[in-house]
Protein backbone atom coordinates (compact mmCIF):
# COMPACT_ATOMS: atom_id res chain seq x y z
CA UNK A 1 -67.89 -116.36 -127.55
CA UNK A 2 -66.25 -113.52 -125.67
CA UNK A 3 -68.17 -110.50 -124.44
CA UNK A 4 -67.03 -107.15 -123.12
CA UNK A 5 -67.73 -106.28 -119.46
CA UNK A 6 -67.27 -103.00 -117.61
CA UNK A 7 -66.52 -103.09 -113.89
CA UNK A 8 -66.08 -100.36 -111.29
CA UNK A 9 -63.28 -101.26 -108.88
CA UNK A 10 -61.03 -99.49 -106.42
CA UNK A 11 -57.88 -98.16 -108.13
CA UNK A 12 -55.63 -99.88 -105.60
CA UNK A 13 -57.28 -103.23 -106.25
CA UNK A 14 -56.87 -102.77 -109.99
CA UNK A 15 -53.17 -101.95 -109.69
CA UNK A 16 -52.49 -104.92 -107.41
CA UNK A 17 -54.44 -107.21 -109.73
CA UNK A 18 -52.48 -105.97 -112.73
CA UNK A 19 -49.17 -106.61 -110.94
CA UNK A 20 -50.33 -110.08 -109.88
CA UNK A 21 -51.47 -110.94 -113.40
CA UNK A 22 -48.15 -109.76 -114.83
CA UNK A 23 -46.21 -111.88 -112.29
CA UNK A 24 -48.32 -114.90 -113.32
CA UNK A 25 -47.84 -114.18 -117.05
CA UNK A 26 -51.59 -113.98 -117.61
CA UNK A 27 -53.84 -111.18 -118.77
CA UNK A 28 -56.02 -109.45 -116.21
CA UNK A 29 -59.08 -110.45 -118.23
CA UNK A 30 -58.06 -114.12 -118.15
CA UNK A 31 -57.31 -113.92 -114.43
CA UNK A 32 -60.78 -112.55 -113.70
CA UNK A 33 -62.40 -115.04 -116.07
CA UNK A 34 -60.65 -117.95 -114.33
CA UNK A 35 -61.67 -116.64 -110.91
CA UNK A 36 -65.32 -116.20 -111.87
CA UNK A 37 -65.36 -119.60 -113.54
CA UNK A 38 -64.00 -121.31 -110.41
CA UNK A 39 -66.32 -119.31 -108.17
CA UNK A 40 -69.45 -120.25 -110.07
CA UNK A 41 -68.78 -123.97 -110.47
CA UNK A 42 -70.67 -126.31 -108.16
CA UNK A 43 -67.58 -127.51 -106.30
CA UNK A 44 -65.96 -124.09 -105.82
CA UNK A 45 -63.92 -123.93 -102.64
CA UNK A 46 -63.82 -127.70 -102.19
CA UNK A 47 -60.45 -129.32 -102.70
CA UNK A 48 -60.26 -132.81 -104.17
CA UNK A 49 -58.58 -135.38 -101.97
CA UNK A 50 -56.05 -137.53 -103.77
CA UNK A 51 -56.19 -141.32 -103.40
CA UNK A 52 -52.90 -141.23 -101.45
CA UNK A 53 -54.23 -138.77 -98.90
CA UNK A 54 -57.47 -140.73 -98.68
CA UNK A 55 -55.52 -143.93 -97.97
CA UNK A 56 -53.66 -142.20 -95.13
CA UNK A 57 -56.82 -141.03 -93.41
CA UNK A 58 -57.03 -142.53 -89.95
CA UNK A 59 -53.51 -144.03 -89.99
CA UNK A 60 -52.39 -142.10 -86.90
CA UNK A 61 -54.39 -142.87 -83.78
CA UNK A 62 -54.26 -140.29 -81.01
CA UNK A 63 -54.87 -141.12 -77.39
CA UNK A 64 -58.08 -139.71 -76.03
CA UNK A 65 -57.55 -136.89 -73.61
CA UNK A 66 -58.43 -133.27 -73.08
CA UNK A 67 -55.31 -131.92 -74.81
CA UNK A 68 -55.63 -134.25 -77.79
CA UNK A 69 -59.33 -133.44 -78.10
CA UNK A 70 -58.56 -129.70 -78.15
CA UNK A 71 -55.97 -130.20 -80.85
CA UNK A 72 -58.27 -132.40 -82.93
CA UNK A 73 -61.04 -129.82 -82.61
CA UNK A 74 -58.61 -127.05 -83.58
CA UNK A 75 -57.52 -128.93 -86.72
CA UNK A 76 -61.11 -129.80 -87.62
CA UNK A 77 -62.15 -126.16 -87.37
CA UNK A 78 -59.11 -124.96 -89.28
CA UNK A 79 -59.42 -127.32 -92.23
CA UNK A 80 -63.17 -127.81 -92.54
């Protein structure tokens, strides 16, 4: 069942959202509904790892060293 909702948003945000929705060939209501749905699900923000990517985990072994450790730490911070 659909319900009506009134929101107060900045005019600039509304205009940009309308343009984005039009570019995606989706209504603004559906865009917001999809966003809120994804946001409120238990696994929101967590990407699923495909079996292929999972199988490649740990394939490349880096030599231990200060530079490699810095790079590993950088990647860990960036993607976690």
